[in-house]
Amino acid sequence: MQTACLTAGIRRSNSRVASLYVSIVRAVRREQRVPESGRDPAYVSQLRRAENEWLAWRDSECKRRTSGYSGKLWAVPRTKCIAEVTETRATELDRVLRQAHRQ
């Protein structure tokens, strides 16, 4: 049950970040006039690496923050941590997207 709760929480948290990420990639590709089948611009490759590094950091950071919880109580605080940290990331990506639209 703990794992199912955590998985559902992560899925909800990731939804907004994933949507923003896809929008940024589309905006960059459109701005740089990259055809549908064309290779990603360097910025997109950097963003992909940064996003993967951020995901790994988020998971380890929330695990660290909630390491004092044991038994039946660990999933709720970890899910809250993931939601909080992911919302901060979504705000950052939203800022990047707005900036991309201005250019």
N, C-alpha and C. Protein backbone atom coordinates (compact mmCIF):
# COMPACT_ATOMS: atom_id res chain seq x y z
N MET A 1 0.82 -1.20 0.00
CA MET A 1 0.00 0.00 0.00
C MET A 1 0.86 1.25 0.00
N GLN A 2 1.96 1.25 0.77
CA GLN A 2 2.86 2.40 0.82
C GLN A 2 3.40 2.74 -0.57
N THR A 3 3.85 1.73 -1.28
CA THR A 3 4.42 1.94 -2.60
C THR A 3 3.38 2.46 -3.57
N ALA A 4 2.17 1.95 -3.51
CA ALA A 4 1.10 2.42 -4.39
C ALA A 4 0.77 3.88 -4.11
N CYS A 5 0.73 4.27 -2.85
CA CYS A 5 0.47 5.65 -2.47
C CYS A 5 1.57 6.57 -3.00
N LEU A 6 2.82 6.16 -2.79
CA LEU A 6 3.95 6.95 -3.25
C LEU A 6 3.94 7.07 -4.77
N THR A 7 3.70 5.97 -5.45
CA THR A 7 3.67 5.98 -6.92
C THR A 7 2.60 6.91 -7.45
N ALA A 8 1.41 6.87 -6.87
CA ALA A 8 0.32 7.75 -7.30
C ALA A 8 0.68 9.22 -7.04
N GLY A 9 1.29 9.50 -5.91
CA GLY A 9 1.70 10.87 -5.59
C GLY A 9 2.74 11.39 -6.55
N ILE A 10 3.71 10.55 -6.89
CA ILE A 10 4.75 10.95 -7.84
C ILE A 10 4.13 11.21 -9.21
N ARG A 11 3.23 10.35 -9.62
CA ARG A 11 2.57 10.51 -10.91
C ARG A 11 1.84 11.86 -10.98
N ARG A 12 1.12 12.20 -9.93
CA ARG A 12 0.40 13.49 -9.91
C ARG A 12 1.39 14.65 -9.96
N SER A 13 2.44 14.57 -9.18
CA SER A 13 3.42 15.64 -9.13
C SER A 13 4.16 15.83 -10.45
N ASN A 14 4.45 14.74 -11.11
CA ASN A 14 5.21 14.81 -12.35
C ASN A 14 4.40 15.34 -13.53
N SER A 15 3.10 15.29 -13.46
CA SER A 15 2.25 15.65 -14.58
C SER A 15 2.51 17.09 -15.06
N ARG A 16 2.50 18.04 -14.17
CA ARG A 16 2.69 19.45 -14.56
C ARG A 16 4.10 19.68 -15.10
N VAL A 17 5.10 19.12 -14.42
CA VAL A 17 6.48 19.29 -14.87
C VAL A 17 6.66 18.70 -16.27
N ALA A 18 6.11 17.54 -16.51
CA ALA A 18 6.23 16.90 -17.82
C ALA A 18 5.58 17.75 -18.91
N SER A 19 4.42 18.29 -18.62
CA SER A 19 3.73 19.13 -19.58
C SER A 19 4.53 20.40 -19.91
N LEU A 20 5.07 21.03 -18.88
CA LEU A 20 5.90 22.22 -19.10
C LEU A 20 7.16 21.88 -19.88
N TYR A 21 7.78 20.78 -19.55
CA TYR A 21 8.99 20.34 -20.24
C TYR A 21 8.71 20.17 -21.73
N VAL A 22 7.64 19.47 -22.08
CA VAL A 22 7.28 19.26 -23.48
C VAL A 22 7.02 20.59 -24.17
N SER A 23 6.34 21.51 -23.50
CA SER A 23 6.06 22.82 -24.07
C SER A 23 7.34 23.61 -24.33
N ILE A 24 8.30 23.52 -23.43
CA ILE A 24 9.58 24.21 -23.62
C ILE A 24 10.31 23.63 -24.82
N VAL A 25 10.36 22.31 -24.91
CA VAL A 25 11.04 21.66 -26.04
C VAL A 25 10.39 22.10 -27.35
N ARG A 26 9.08 22.10 -27.40
CA ARG A 26 8.37 22.53 -28.63
C ARG A 26 8.69 23.98 -28.96
N ALA A 27 8.68 24.84 -27.96
CA ALA A 27 8.95 26.26 -28.18
C ALA A 27 10.37 26.47 -28.72
N VAL A 28 11.33 25.79 -28.13
CA VAL A 28 12.72 25.92 -28.58
C VAL A 28 12.87 25.40 -30.01
N ARG A 29 12.30 24.25 -30.28
CA ARG A 29 12.40 23.68 -31.63
C ARG A 29 11.73 24.60 -32.65
N ARG A 30 10.58 25.19 -32.28
CA ARG A 30 9.87 26.10 -33.17
C ARG A 30 10.70 27.37 -33.40
N GLU A 31 11.24 27.91 -32.32
CA GLU A 31 12.04 29.14 -32.42
C GLU A 31 13.27 28.92 -33.30
N GLN A 32 13.87 27.76 -33.19
CA GLN A 32 15.07 27.48 -33.96
C GLN A 32 14.75 26.81 -35.31
N ARG A 33 13.47 26.76 -35.63
CA ARG A 33 12.99 26.23 -36.91
C ARG A 33 13.53 24.82 -37.21
N VAL A 34 13.45 23.97 -36.21
CA VAL A 34 13.90 22.58 -36.36
C VAL A 34 12.71 21.78 -36.90
N PRO A 35 12.91 21.09 -38.02
CA PRO A 35 11.81 20.28 -38.57
C PRO A 35 11.43 19.14 -37.62
N GLU A 36 10.23 18.65 -37.80
CA GLU A 36 9.69 17.58 -36.94
C GLU A 36 10.68 16.43 -36.76
N SER A 37 11.30 16.01 -37.83
CA SER A 37 12.23 14.87 -37.75
C SER A 37 13.67 15.32 -37.50
N GLY A 38 13.87 16.62 -37.30
CA GLY A 38 15.22 17.13 -37.09
C GLY A 38 15.77 16.82 -35.72
N ARG A 39 17.06 16.97 -35.62
CA ARG A 39 17.77 16.71 -34.37
C ARG A 39 17.51 17.83 -33.36
N ASP A 40 17.42 17.46 -32.08
CA ASP A 40 17.18 18.46 -31.04
C ASP A 40 18.32 19.48 -30.99
N PRO A 41 17.97 20.76 -30.78
CA PRO A 41 19.01 21.77 -30.58
C PRO A 41 19.78 21.48 -29.29
N ALA A 42 20.96 22.05 -29.16
CA ALA A 42 21.81 21.82 -27.99
C ALA A 42 21.08 22.17 -26.69
N TYR A 43 20.29 23.24 -26.70
CA TYR A 43 19.58 23.64 -25.48
C TYR A 43 18.64 22.53 -25.01
N VAL A 44 17.97 21.88 -25.93
CA VAL A 44 17.04 20.80 -25.57
C VAL A 44 17.81 19.63 -24.97
N SER A 45 18.95 19.30 -25.54
CA SER A 45 19.78 18.22 -24.99
C SER A 45 20.25 18.57 -23.58
N GLN A 46 20.65 19.82 -23.37
CA GLN A 46 21.07 20.27 -22.04
C GLN A 46 19.90 20.21 -21.06
N LEU A 47 18.73 20.64 -21.51
CA LEU A 47 17.54 20.61 -20.66
C LEU A 47 17.19 19.18 -20.28
N ARG A 48 17.29 18.27 -21.22
CA ARG A 48 16.99 16.85 -20.94
C ARG A 48 17.95 16.31 -19.87
N ARG A 49 19.24 16.60 -20.01
CA ARG A 49 20.21 16.16 -19.00
C ARG A 49 19.90 16.78 -17.64
N ALA A 50 19.61 18.07 -17.65
CA ALA A 50 19.31 18.78 -16.40
C ALA A 50 18.06 18.19 -15.74
N GLU A 51 17.07 17.87 -16.54
CA GLU A 51 15.83 17.31 -15.99
C GLU A 51 16.06 15.94 -15.38
N ASN A 52 16.86 15.11 -16.04
CA ASN A 52 17.19 13.79 -15.49
C ASN A 52 17.98 13.92 -14.19
N GLU A 53 18.92 14.85 -14.15
CA GLU A 53 19.69 15.09 -12.93
C GLU A 53 18.79 15.62 -11.82
N TRP A 54 17.86 16.51 -12.18
CA TRP A 54 16.94 17.05 -11.18
C TRP A 54 16.05 15.95 -10.60
N LEU A 55 15.54 15.07 -11.45
CA LEU A 55 14.69 13.96 -10.97
C LEU A 55 15.45 13.09 -9.97
N ALA A 56 16.69 12.76 -10.30
CA ALA A 56 17.50 11.94 -9.38
C ALA A 56 17.74 12.69 -8.07
N TRP A 57 18.03 14.00 -8.17
CA TRP A 57 18.24 14.80 -6.96
C TRP A 57 16.97 14.85 -6.11
N ARG A 58 15.82 15.10 -6.77
CA ARG A 58 14.55 15.20 -6.04
C ARG A 58 14.27 13.93 -5.25
N ASP A 59 14.42 12.79 -5.92
CA ASP A 59 14.12 11.53 -5.26
C ASP A 59 15.06 11.27 -4.08
N SER A 60 16.36 11.52 -4.27
CA SER A 60 17.29 11.29 -3.16
C SER A 60 17.11 12.32 -2.06
N GLU A 61 16.80 13.56 -2.41
CA GLU A 61 16.58 14.61 -1.41
C GLU A 61 15.35 14.29 -0.56
N CYS A 62 14.27 13.88 -1.19
CA CYS A 62 13.06 13.56 -0.42
C CYS A 62 13.25 12.29 0.41
N LYS A 63 14.03 11.37 -0.10
CA LYS A 63 14.33 10.18 0.70
C LYS A 63 15.14 10.58 1.93
N ARG A 64 16.11 11.48 1.73
CA ARG A 64 16.92 11.96 2.85
C ARG A 64 16.06 12.71 3.87
N ARG A 65 15.20 13.60 3.38
CA ARG A 65 14.36 14.40 4.28
C ARG A 65 13.40 13.57 5.11
N THR A 66 13.01 12.42 4.58
CA THR A 66 12.01 11.59 5.27
C THR A 66 12.61 10.31 5.84
N SER A 67 13.93 10.27 5.96
CA SER A 67 14.58 9.05 6.42
C SER A 67 14.24 8.70 7.87
N GLY A 68 13.76 9.67 8.65
CA GLY A 68 13.42 9.40 10.05
C GLY A 68 12.08 8.70 10.22
N TYR A 69 11.29 8.64 9.14
CA TYR A 69 9.99 7.97 9.22
C TYR A 69 10.19 6.49 8.93
N SER A 70 9.54 5.67 9.69
CA SER A 70 9.70 4.24 9.47
C SER A 70 8.35 3.55 9.52
N GLY A 71 8.37 2.30 9.20
CA GLY A 71 7.15 1.50 9.26
C GLY A 71 6.09 1.99 8.31
N LYS A 72 4.91 2.22 8.85
CA LYS A 72 3.76 2.57 8.04
C LYS A 72 3.68 4.05 7.70
N LEU A 73 4.58 4.86 8.21
CA LEU A 73 4.42 6.31 8.10
C LEU A 73 5.27 7.00 7.04
N TRP A 74 6.09 6.31 6.29
CA TRP A 74 7.03 6.99 5.41
C TRP A 74 6.42 7.52 4.11
N ALA A 75 5.39 6.92 3.57
CA ALA A 75 4.88 7.30 2.24
C ALA A 75 4.25 8.69 2.21
N VAL A 76 3.50 9.05 3.21
CA VAL A 76 2.81 10.35 3.20
C VAL A 76 3.81 11.51 3.23
N PRO A 77 4.77 11.53 4.17
CA PRO A 77 5.72 12.65 4.14
C PRO A 77 6.59 12.67 2.88
N ARG A 78 6.94 11.50 2.37
CA ARG A 78 7.76 11.49 1.15
C ARG A 78 6.96 12.00 -0.03
N THR A 79 5.69 11.62 -0.12
CA THR A 79 4.84 12.11 -1.20
C THR A 79 4.67 13.62 -1.10
N LYS A 80 4.49 14.14 0.12
CA LYS A 80 4.39 15.59 0.31
C LYS A 80 5.67 16.29 -0.11
N CYS A 81 6.80 15.73 0.25
CA CYS A 81 8.10 16.30 -0.14
C CYS A 81 8.22 16.34 -1.66
N ILE A 82 7.92 15.25 -2.30
CA ILE A 82 8.02 15.18 -3.76
C ILE A 82 7.10 16.21 -4.40
N ALA A 83 5.88 16.34 -3.88
CA ALA A 83 4.94 17.32 -4.42
C ALA A 83 5.47 18.74 -4.25
N GLU A 84 6.02 19.03 -3.08
CA GLU A 84 6.54 20.37 -2.80
C GLU A 84 7.74 20.71 -3.69
N VAL A 85 8.69 19.81 -3.75
CA VAL A 85 9.89 20.05 -4.56
C VAL A 85 9.55 20.11 -6.04
N THR A 86 8.63 19.28 -6.47
CA THR A 86 8.22 19.26 -7.88
C THR A 86 7.46 20.53 -8.24
N GLU A 87 6.66 21.04 -7.33
CA GLU A 87 5.95 22.30 -7.60
C GLU A 87 6.94 23.44 -7.77
N THR A 88 8.00 23.45 -6.98
CA THR A 88 9.04 24.46 -7.13
C THR A 88 9.69 24.34 -8.52
N ARG A 89 9.96 23.12 -8.94
CA ARG A 89 10.54 22.90 -10.27
C ARG A 89 9.58 23.33 -11.36
N ALA A 90 8.29 23.07 -11.18
CA ALA A 90 7.30 23.48 -12.17
C ALA A 90 7.27 25.00 -12.30
N THR A 91 7.40 25.70 -11.20
CA THR A 91 7.43 27.16 -11.23
C THR A 91 8.65 27.64 -12.02
N GLU A 92 9.79 26.99 -11.80
CA GLU A 92 11.01 27.34 -12.54
C GLU A 92 10.82 27.09 -14.04
N LEU A 93 10.27 25.94 -14.40
CA LEU A 93 10.06 25.62 -15.81
C LEU A 93 9.03 26.54 -16.45
N ASP A 94 8.02 26.93 -15.68
CA ASP A 94 7.02 27.87 -16.18
C ASP A 94 7.68 29.21 -16.53
N ARG A 95 8.60 29.63 -15.70
CA ARG A 95 9.34 30.87 -15.95
C ARG A 95 10.16 30.75 -17.24
N VAL A 96 10.81 29.60 -17.44
CA VAL A 96 11.59 29.36 -18.65
C VAL A 96 10.68 29.39 -19.88
N LEU A 97 9.51 28.78 -19.77
CA LEU A 97 8.57 28.74 -20.89
C LEU A 97 8.08 30.14 -21.23
N ARG A 98 7.73 30.92 -20.22
CA ARG A 98 7.27 32.30 -20.48
C ARG A 98 8.37 33.10 -21.17
N GLN A 99 9.60 32.91 -20.75
CA GLN A 99 10.73 33.61 -21.36
C GLN A 99 10.90 33.16 -22.82
N ALA A 100 10.72 31.88 -23.08
CA ALA A 100 10.85 31.36 -24.45
C ALA A 100 9.77 31.95 -25.35
N HIS A 101 8.58 32.16 -24.83
CA HIS A 101 7.49 32.74 -25.61
C HIS A 101 7.73 34.21 -25.92
N ARG A 102 8.47 34.89 -25.05
CA ARG A 102 8.76 36.31 -25.29
C ARG A 102 9.79 36.52 -26.38
N GLN A 103 10.59 35.53 -26.64
CA GLN A 103 11.67 35.69 -27.62
C GLN A 103 11.19 35.50 -29.03
